[in-house]
């Protein structure tokens, strides 16, 4: 089996200087020294680094395109792909690539670490080696066990567009609050096959959507939010989409001015999607009276989608179909690749 390892940067790609103690990006030869197991087994691993390596805080849609294009360019030569990535924005990148790939039939596994690869107690080695094994996992019929974009960290494999970074201190940095793990790694890797996306049409090939519209924003409601704050955001020139982070099951203050600003923005063609601030649970607009105004204003339900998935999905849909507002709204209301559970 052949796996392509794409270095983008992040803690997992760092080593500590023996003299100064400072962290710096490792070159591929140094990485081979720290993880010789990569080249000792039956899985052939090749490496491609970003130049330069980037902190994940600096990644943007151009870098998502670079990742996706790299997979596409080498798609026929490899059985799976592993992307080394900083943990801070990994959920955004994994979500973005899940929407970019159409007819993905091979594993694309994101992984990272909380400690650099050169540190004695680093989690980098286990995360990397298990991600490689998952990327090379095929059944007896020659079909990939996990033909979708995923995130692997600390023994858990999650659907990429269901993940959120939950902890900056522990090795278990990620969680998938509204969708179970696709696999768990212990002595053996146990796959939860019914939860994994079905494989695409291997004869049709991979297509990559590359257009993103970044004219989007997040409006997080809070007790005491003022009209001036809401107006300032919704009146941003050329704004195309808003993630509205609400309370509980999708509730918002009943201020008439809030309804009027939301309604006015929707009437101008701004797409607004309701996302609960809770990690677990789903938006259910109309369940309580305090969400009726959102329905009346034309706000769309985001159900149980994560903020990371919703923001990247909105960028993708607006970028590809922004000239057809009704299609944009329809696509934001349905699950495209398992990113939300629609009632």
Protein backbone atom coordinates (compact mmCIF):
# COMPACT_ATOMS: atom_id res chain seq x y z
CA UNK A 1 0.00 0.00 0.00
CA UNK A 2 1.16 3.54 -0.80
CA UNK A 3 0.37 6.57 1.37
CA UNK A 4 1.25 10.20 0.68
CA UNK A 5 2.13 12.28 3.74
CA UNK A 6 1.55 16.01 3.29
CA UNK A 7 3.31 18.32 5.76
CA UNK A 8 1.55 21.65 6.23
CA UNK A 9 3.17 22.56 9.56
CA UNK A 10 1.96 22.71 13.13
CA UNK A 11 3.33 21.35 16.38
CA UNK A 12 3.70 17.83 14.98
CA UNK A 13 6.24 19.11 12.44
CA UNK A 14 8.43 20.85 15.02
CA UNK A 15 11.62 19.80 16.83
CA UNK A 16 13.43 21.45 19.72
CA UNK A 17 16.88 22.91 19.15
CA UNK A 18 19.34 21.13 21.43
CA UNK A 19 21.27 24.32 22.25
CA UNK A 20 18.59 27.02 22.52
CA UNK A 21 15.55 24.94 23.41
CA UNK A 22 13.53 26.83 20.78
CA UNK A 23 11.12 25.00 18.48
CA UNK A 24 11.70 25.10 14.74
CA UNK A 25 10.27 23.23 11.73
CA UNK A 26 11.87 19.86 11.07
CA UNK A 27 13.08 18.95 7.63
CA UNK A 28 12.02 15.61 6.21
CA UNK A 29 15.32 13.92 7.03
CA UNK A 30 15.03 14.97 10.68
CA UNK A 31 11.48 13.66 10.77
CA UNK A 32 12.67 10.33 9.38
CA UNK A 33 15.20 10.16 12.21
CA UNK A 34 12.53 10.63 14.88
CA UNK A 35 9.99 8.26 13.30
CA UNK A 36 11.97 5.48 11.60
CA UNK A 37 8.94 3.17 11.91
CA UNK A 38 7.41 5.03 8.98
CA UNK A 39 9.81 3.25 6.65
CA UNK A 40 10.10 -0.13 8.35
CA UNK A 41 6.73 -1.66 7.53
CA UNK A 42 4.70 -2.82 4.55
CA UNK A 43 3.22 0.62 3.86
CA UNK A 44 5.27 2.76 1.48
CA UNK A 45 5.21 6.41 2.58
CA UNK A 46 6.23 9.42 0.50
CA UNK A 47 6.36 12.97 1.85
CA UNK A 48 5.55 16.38 0.41
CA UNK A 49 6.12 19.50 2.57
CA UNK A 50 4.53 22.90 2.30
CA UNK A 51 7.23 25.46 1.62
CA UNK A 52 7.38 27.15 4.01
CA UNK A 53 5.62 25.15 6.72
CA UNK A 54 2.81 27.18 8.26
CA UNK A 55 1.30 27.59 11.70
CA UNK A 56 -2.32 26.52 11.36
CA UNK A 57 -3.44 29.96 12.57
CA UNK A 58 -2.13 31.36 9.29
CA UNK A 59 -3.94 28.88 7.02
CA UNK A 60 -6.65 30.19 4.68
CA UNK A 61 -8.71 29.03 1.67
CA UNK A 62 -5.66 29.30 -0.61
CA UNK A 63 -3.96 26.68 1.56
CA UNK A 64 -7.08 24.49 1.50
CA UNK A 65 -6.87 24.60 -2.29
CA UNK A 66 -3.20 23.65 -2.13
CA UNK A 67 -4.00 20.63 0.06
CA UNK A 68 -6.88 19.52 -2.15
CA UNK A 69 -4.90 20.02 -5.36
CA UNK A 70 -2.02 17.98 -3.97
CA UNK A 71 -4.38 15.10 -3.23
CA UNK A 72 -5.95 15.40 -6.68
CA UNK A 73 -2.58 15.51 -8.47
CA UNK A 74 -1.39 12.33 -6.74
CA UNK A 75 -4.76 10.63 -6.40
CA UNK A 76 -4.11 7.73 -8.77
CA UNK A 77 -0.65 6.95 -7.36
CA UNK A 78 -1.61 6.48 -3.71
CA UNK A 79 -4.09 4.44 -1.71
CA UNK A 80 -4.53 7.08 0.98
CA UNK A 81 -3.40 10.47 2.20
CA UNK A 82 -2.35 11.84 5.59
CA UNK A 83 -2.18 15.58 6.21
CA UNK A 84 -0.03 16.81 9.10
CA UNK A 85 -1.67 19.97 10.41
CA UNK A 86 -1.64 22.22 13.45
CA UNK A 87 -4.51 21.47 15.79
CA UNK A 88 -5.79 25.03 16.21
CA UNK A 89 -7.61 25.18 12.86
CA UNK A 90 -7.58 21.52 11.86
CA UNK A 91 -11.38 21.27 12.18
CA UNK A 92 -11.78 24.13 9.68
CA UNK A 93 -9.40 22.58 7.14
CA UNK A 94 -10.88 19.09 7.48
CA UNK A 95 -14.38 20.53 7.06
CA UNK A 96 -13.35 22.59 4.03
CA UNK A 97 -11.76 19.63 2.24
CA UNK A 98 -14.80 17.46 2.92
CA UNK A 99 -16.88 19.93 0.87
CA UNK A 100 -14.21 20.37 -1.80
CA UNK A 101 -13.94 16.68 -2.68
CA UNK A 102 -16.64 15.16 -4.87
CA UNK A 103 -16.63 11.38 -5.33
CA UNK A 104 -13.82 10.77 -2.84
CA UNK A 105 -13.05 7.03 -2.75
CA UNK A 106 -9.86 7.07 -0.71
CA UNK A 107 -9.00 8.04 2.88
CA UNK A 108 -7.79 11.56 3.66
CA UNK A 109 -6.73 11.64 7.31
CA UNK A 110 -5.79 14.81 9.18
CA UNK A 111 -3.62 14.44 12.25
CA UNK A 112 -1.40 16.53 14.50
CA UNK A 113 -0.06 16.55 18.00
CA UNK A 114 -0.08 18.54 21.20
CA UNK A 115 3.67 18.09 21.71
CA UNK A 116 6.40 18.33 19.04
CA UNK A 117 7.71 15.15 17.47
CA UNK A 118 11.14 15.61 19.08
CA UNK A 119 9.85 15.78 22.67
CA UNK A 120 10.16 12.61 24.76
CA UNK A 121 6.47 12.40 25.73
CA UNK A 122 5.16 13.55 22.37
CA UNK A 123 1.88 12.17 21.08
CA UNK A 124 3.07 12.78 17.52
CA UNK A 125 4.43 9.32 16.79
CA UNK A 126 1.30 7.36 17.75
CA UNK A 127 -1.01 9.81 15.98
CA UNK A 128 1.05 9.72 12.80
CA UNK A 129 1.59 5.95 12.64
CA UNK A 130 -2.07 5.17 13.31
CA UNK A 131 -3.21 7.77 10.77
CA UNK A 132 -0.94 6.11 8.19
CA UNK A 133 -2.42 2.70 8.99
CA UNK A 134 -5.98 4.05 8.66
CA UNK A 135 -5.12 5.72 5.33
CA UNK A 136 -3.89 2.34 4.04
CA UNK A 137 -6.81 0.27 5.38
CA UNK A 138 -8.71 -1.56 2.63
CA UNK A 139 -11.10 -4.51 2.73
CA UNK A 140 -10.81 -7.82 0.92
CA UNK A 141 -12.64 -6.35 -2.08
CA UNK A 142 -10.06 -3.61 -2.48
CA UNK A 143 -12.26 -0.82 -1.11
CA UNK A 144 -11.07 1.76 1.40
CA UNK A 145 -12.48 1.27 4.89
CA UNK A 146 -12.83 5.03 5.47
CA UNK A 147 -13.26 6.79 2.11
CA UNK A 148 -13.82 10.26 3.56
CA UNK A 149 -12.02 13.20 5.17
CA UNK A 150 -11.33 12.44 8.81
CA UNK A 151 -9.43 13.64 11.88
CA UNK A 152 -7.40 11.21 13.98
CA UNK A 153 -6.12 12.13 17.44
CA UNK A 154 -5.44 10.16 20.62
CA UNK A 155 -7.12 6.91 19.69
CA UNK A 156 -10.24 8.36 18.05
CA UNK A 157 -11.08 8.77 14.36
CA UNK A 158 -13.78 11.35 13.65
CA UNK A 159 -15.56 12.60 10.54
CA UNK A 160 -13.64 15.76 9.72
CA UNK A 161 -16.64 18.03 9.34
CA UNK A 162 -18.02 16.94 12.71
CA UNK A 163 -14.97 17.88 14.76
CA UNK A 164 -14.23 20.73 17.15
CA UNK A 165 -11.03 21.35 19.07
CA UNK A 166 -12.09 21.06 22.69
CA UNK A 167 -8.85 21.13 24.68
CA UNK A 168 -5.56 23.01 24.40
CA UNK A 169 -3.87 20.98 27.14
CA UNK A 170 -4.78 17.29 26.84
CA UNK A 171 -3.80 14.83 24.12
CA UNK A 172 -7.51 14.24 23.45
CA UNK A 173 -7.73 17.62 21.74
CA UNK A 174 -10.80 16.96 19.58
CA UNK A 175 -14.33 15.76 19.95
CA UNK A 176 -17.25 15.02 17.65
CA UNK A 177 -20.14 16.02 19.88
CA UNK A 178 -23.04 15.14 17.61
CA UNK A 179 -21.68 12.14 15.71
CA UNK A 180 -19.95 9.01 17.07
CA UNK A 181 -16.33 8.13 16.35
CA UNK A 182 -15.79 6.30 13.06
CA UNK A 183 -13.04 4.17 14.58
CA UNK A 184 -11.15 3.63 17.83
CA UNK A 185 -7.54 2.57 18.07
CA UNK A 186 -6.31 0.37 20.88
CA UNK A 187 -4.43 -2.89 20.44
CA UNK A 188 -6.53 -3.16 17.29
CA UNK A 189 -8.28 -0.49 15.21
CA UNK A 190 -12.03 -1.08 15.42
CA UNK A 191 -14.08 0.50 12.63
CA UNK A 192 -17.73 1.45 13.07
CA UNK A 193 -18.61 0.60 9.49
CA UNK A 194 -22.31 1.64 9.48
CA UNK A 195 -21.32 5.22 10.40
CA UNK A 196 -18.77 5.65 7.61
CA UNK A 197 -19.67 7.30 4.30
CA UNK A 198 -20.24 4.84 1.47
CA UNK A 199 -17.57 4.73 -1.20
CA UNK A 200 -18.06 6.80 -4.34
CA UNK A 201 -17.92 5.74 -7.96
CA UNK A 202 -14.33 4.61 -8.45
CA UNK A 203 -14.71 4.75 -12.23
CA UNK A 204 -15.71 8.42 -12.27
CA UNK A 205 -12.65 9.91 -10.62
CA UNK A 206 -12.17 12.70 -8.09
CA UNK A 207 -13.48 16.21 -8.65
CA UNK A 208 -12.32 19.18 -6.56
CA UNK A 209 -14.40 22.31 -5.98
CA UNK A 210 -12.01 25.20 -5.49
CA UNK A 211 -14.09 28.38 -5.19
CA UNK A 212 -14.69 29.98 -1.81
CA UNK A 213 -16.52 33.18 -0.93
CA UNK A 214 -14.95 34.62 2.22
CA UNK A 215 -17.44 37.48 2.53
CA UNK A 216 -18.97 35.81 5.57
CA UNK A 217 -19.08 36.55 9.30
CA UNK A 218 -20.07 35.08 12.65
CA UNK A 219 -22.57 36.90 14.88
CA UNK A 220 -22.57 35.44 18.37
CA UNK A 221 -25.52 36.51 20.48
CA UNK A 222 -25.06 37.23 24.18
CA UNK A 223 -27.22 38.69 26.97
CA UNK A 224 -27.11 42.45 26.66
CA UNK A 225 -26.03 42.55 23.02
CA UNK A 226 -26.82 45.97 21.61
CA UNK A 227 -28.45 47.04 18.40
CA UNK A 228 -25.28 48.89 17.43
CA UNK A 229 -23.24 45.65 17.53
CA UNK A 230 -25.76 43.72 15.43
CA UNK A 231 -26.15 46.55 12.94
CA UNK A 232 -22.40 47.01 12.57
CA UNK A 233 -21.94 43.40 11.55
CA UNK A 234 -25.02 42.94 9.37
CA UNK A 235 -24.33 46.21 7.55
CA UNK A 236 -20.82 45.19 6.46
CA UNK A 237 -20.57 46.12 2.75
CA UNK A 238 -20.83 43.15 0.36
CA UNK A 239 -21.60 40.71 3.16
CA UNK A 240 -22.95 37.46 1.70
CA UNK A 241 -23.36 35.06 4.62
CA UNK A 242 -23.68 35.05 8.41
CA UNK A 243 -23.36 32.26 10.95
CA UNK A 244 -25.78 33.28 13.72
CA UNK A 245 -24.75 31.63 16.99
CA UNK A 246 -27.83 31.48 19.17
CA UNK A 247 -28.82 30.09 22.58
CA UNK A 248 -30.01 26.57 23.36
CA UNK A 249 -32.03 24.99 20.57
CA UNK A 250 -31.73 28.07 18.37
CA UNK A 251 -33.24 30.83 20.49
CA UNK A 252 -32.62 34.59 20.38
CA UNK A 253 -33.82 37.73 22.18
CA UNK A 254 -37.25 38.87 21.03
CA UNK A 255 -36.18 42.49 20.47
CA UNK A 256 -38.05 43.93 17.52
CA UNK A 257 -34.89 45.68 16.36
CA UNK A 258 -33.07 42.33 16.12
CA UNK A 259 -35.82 40.90 13.94
CA UNK A 260 -35.80 44.01 11.73
CA UNK A 261 -32.03 43.92 11.17
CA UNK A 262 -32.08 40.20 10.37
CA UNK A 263 -35.06 40.59 8.05
CA UNK A 264 -33.42 43.53 6.28
CA UNK A 265 -30.18 41.58 5.77
CA UNK A 266 -32.04 38.56 4.37
CA UNK A 267 -34.02 40.83 2.05
CA UNK A 268 -30.69 42.20 0.73
CA UNK A 269 -29.60 38.66 -0.14
CA UNK A 270 -27.49 37.87 2.93
CA UNK A 271 -27.83 34.19 3.84
CA UNK A 272 -28.14 33.71 7.62
CA UNK A 273 -27.90 30.26 9.23
CA UNK A 274 -28.82 29.53 12.84
CA UNK A 275 -26.18 27.58 14.82
CA UNK A 276 -26.58 26.77 18.51
CA UNK A 277 -23.77 27.85 20.83
CA UNK A 278 -24.06 24.47 22.60
CA UNK A 279 -21.54 21.79 21.64
CA UNK A 280 -24.17 19.06 21.79
CA UNK A 281 -27.69 19.20 20.40
CA UNK A 282 -29.50 20.70 17.45
CA UNK A 283 -31.30 23.86 16.39
CA UNK A 284 -35.06 23.45 16.44
CA UNK A 285 -36.53 26.76 15.35
CA UNK A 286 -40.14 27.29 16.36
CA UNK A 287 -39.93 24.98 19.35
CA UNK A 288 -39.89 28.04 21.61
CA UNK A 289 -41.51 31.41 21.05
CA UNK A 290 -38.09 33.11 21.26
CA UNK A 291 -37.07 31.53 17.93
CA UNK A 292 -40.24 32.40 15.99
CA UNK A 293 -38.84 35.77 14.93
CA UNK A 294 -35.84 34.05 13.38
CA UNK A 295 -38.16 31.96 11.22
CA UNK A 296 -40.13 35.03 10.25
CA UNK A 297 -36.92 36.85 9.34
CA UNK A 298 -35.91 34.10 6.91
CA UNK A 299 -33.08 32.59 8.97
CA UNK A 300 -32.15 29.01 7.96
CA UNK A 301 -31.69 26.19 10.48
CA UNK A 302 -28.18 24.74 10.81
CA UNK A 303 -29.45 21.75 12.82
CA UNK A 304 -26.49 20.15 14.67
CA UNK A 305 -23.64 21.39 12.46
CA UNK A 306 -20.43 22.70 14.01
CA UNK A 307 -19.38 26.30 13.57
CA UNK A 308 -16.26 25.16 11.71
CA UNK A 309 -18.27 23.08 9.26
CA UNK A 310 -20.97 25.71 8.80
CA UNK A 311 -18.52 28.51 8.08
CA UNK A 312 -16.54 26.50 5.52
CA UNK A 313 -19.70 25.06 3.98
CA UNK A 314 -21.08 28.58 3.60
CA UNK A 315 -17.85 29.73 1.93
CA UNK A 316 -17.97 26.72 -0.41
CA UNK A 317 -21.63 26.98 -1.37
CA UNK A 318 -21.52 30.74 -1.87
CA UNK A 319 -18.31 30.41 -3.86
CA UNK A 320 -19.69 27.76 -6.20
CA UNK A 321 -23.35 28.81 -6.46
CA UNK A 322 -23.50 32.40 -5.21
CA UNK A 323 -25.30 33.61 -8.32
CA UNK A 324 -28.27 31.36 -7.47
CA UNK A 325 -29.51 32.42 -4.04
CA UNK A 326 -32.26 29.82 -3.84
CA UNK A 327 -29.82 27.00 -4.59
CA UNK A 328 -27.46 28.36 -1.93
CA UNK A 329 -30.23 28.32 0.66
CA UNK A 330 -31.30 24.81 -0.34
CA UNK A 331 -27.76 23.43 -0.11
CA UNK A 332 -27.25 25.02 3.31
CA UNK A 333 -30.45 23.32 4.47
CA UNK A 334 -29.36 19.79 3.57
CA UNK A 335 -26.43 17.55 4.47
CA UNK A 336 -23.88 17.46 1.65
CA UNK A 337 -21.38 14.98 3.08
CA UNK A 338 -22.53 13.97 6.53
CA UNK A 339 -21.84 17.30 8.22
CA UNK A 340 -25.24 17.55 9.95
CA UNK A 341 -28.29 15.56 10.90
CA UNK A 342 -31.39 16.99 9.26
CA UNK A 343 -34.74 16.30 10.91
